[in-house]
């Protein structure tokens, strides 16, 4: 799976391509929203106002709206139990 993280005008967008299932990205977002993950600090989580998943298996996009930095999200992706079992 390839992960491409880009800063946007109002947050960060992550494009997942290759061996990626949309349901796994949705699960990762749900875990984050309910506090069931430890991939990012509480401080970073509080900066995110909205998380939106689009696309389909093989090409999934996750858009995070809020005052988050690209490097914060890149670090969180490396610690994700869903993406790195």
Protein backbone atom coordinates (compact mmCIF):
# COMPACT_ATOMS: atom_id res chain seq x y z
CA UNK A 1 0.00 0.00 0.00
CA UNK A 2 1.23 3.45 -0.91
CA UNK A 3 0.41 6.44 1.33
CA UNK A 4 0.71 9.98 0.05
CA UNK A 5 0.18 12.79 2.57
CA UNK A 6 -0.43 16.33 1.37
CA UNK A 7 -1.20 19.53 3.24
CA UNK A 8 -4.36 21.32 2.08
CA UNK A 9 -5.69 24.78 2.77
CA UNK A 10 -7.75 23.47 5.69
CA UNK A 11 -5.94 20.36 6.89
CA UNK A 12 -4.33 17.25 5.44
CA UNK A 13 -5.35 14.78 2.73
CA UNK A 14 -4.02 11.21 2.62
CA UNK A 15 -4.27 9.13 -0.56
CA UNK A 16 -3.99 5.36 -0.06
CA UNK A 17 -3.42 3.35 -3.24
CA UNK A 18 -2.64 -0.25 -4.08
CA UNK A 19 -3.52 -2.94 -1.54
CA UNK A 20 -5.96 -0.87 0.52
CA UNK A 21 -9.51 -1.68 1.56
CA UNK A 22 -11.88 1.20 2.21
CA UNK A 23 -13.34 -0.64 5.22
CA UNK A 24 -9.88 -0.63 6.90
CA UNK A 25 -9.55 3.14 6.51
CA UNK A 26 -13.09 3.61 7.84
CA UNK A 27 -12.19 1.40 10.83
CA UNK A 28 -9.04 3.45 11.45
CA UNK A 29 -11.11 6.68 11.43
CA UNK A 30 -13.72 5.15 13.77
CA UNK A 31 -10.99 4.00 16.18
CA UNK A 32 -9.50 7.47 16.16
CA UNK A 33 -12.86 9.19 16.68
CA UNK A 34 -13.76 6.97 19.64
CA UNK A 35 -10.33 7.11 21.29
CA UNK A 36 -9.55 3.43 20.62
CA UNK A 37 -6.21 4.12 18.98
CA UNK A 38 -2.93 5.48 20.22
CA UNK A 39 -1.44 6.51 16.89
CA UNK A 40 -1.59 10.23 17.66
CA UNK A 41 -1.50 12.37 20.76
CA UNK A 42 -4.68 13.74 22.31
CA UNK A 43 -3.36 17.18 21.41
CA UNK A 44 -3.29 16.24 17.71
CA UNK A 45 -6.73 14.57 17.88
CA UNK A 46 -8.23 17.75 19.34
CA UNK A 47 -6.99 19.73 16.33
CA UNK A 48 -9.02 17.59 13.90
CA UNK A 49 -12.54 18.92 13.34
CA UNK A 50 -13.65 16.48 10.65
CA UNK A 51 -12.51 13.20 9.08
CA UNK A 52 -13.93 12.15 5.72
CA UNK A 53 -13.25 8.92 3.79
CA UNK A 54 -13.88 8.74 0.03
CA UNK A 55 -13.11 6.34 -2.77
CA UNK A 56 -13.09 2.58 -3.12
CA UNK A 57 -10.84 -0.41 -2.51
CA UNK A 58 -7.49 0.25 -4.16
CA UNK A 59 -7.88 4.04 -4.14
CA UNK A 60 -9.06 5.52 -0.84
CA UNK A 61 -8.75 9.13 0.26
CA UNK A 62 -8.90 10.38 3.83
CA UNK A 63 -9.33 14.11 4.37
CA UNK A 64 -8.66 15.58 7.80
CA UNK A 65 -9.99 19.08 8.40
CA UNK A 66 -8.36 21.05 11.17
CA UNK A 67 -5.15 22.69 12.28
CA UNK A 68 -2.99 19.59 11.80
CA UNK A 69 0.47 19.44 10.27
CA UNK A 70 1.51 17.00 7.56
CA UNK A 71 4.34 15.64 9.74
CA UNK A 72 1.94 14.93 12.66
CA UNK A 73 -0.24 12.80 10.39
CA UNK A 74 2.72 11.03 8.76
CA UNK A 75 3.94 10.04 12.24
CA UNK A 76 0.46 8.82 13.22
CA UNK A 77 0.18 6.68 10.08
CA UNK A 78 3.45 4.93 10.98
CA UNK A 79 2.03 4.04 14.42
CA UNK A 80 -1.40 2.88 13.21
CA UNK A 81 -2.27 -0.70 14.24
CA UNK A 82 -4.80 -0.92 11.39
CA UNK A 83 -2.25 -0.01 8.69
CA UNK A 84 0.73 -1.75 10.31
CA UNK A 85 -0.65 -4.90 11.98
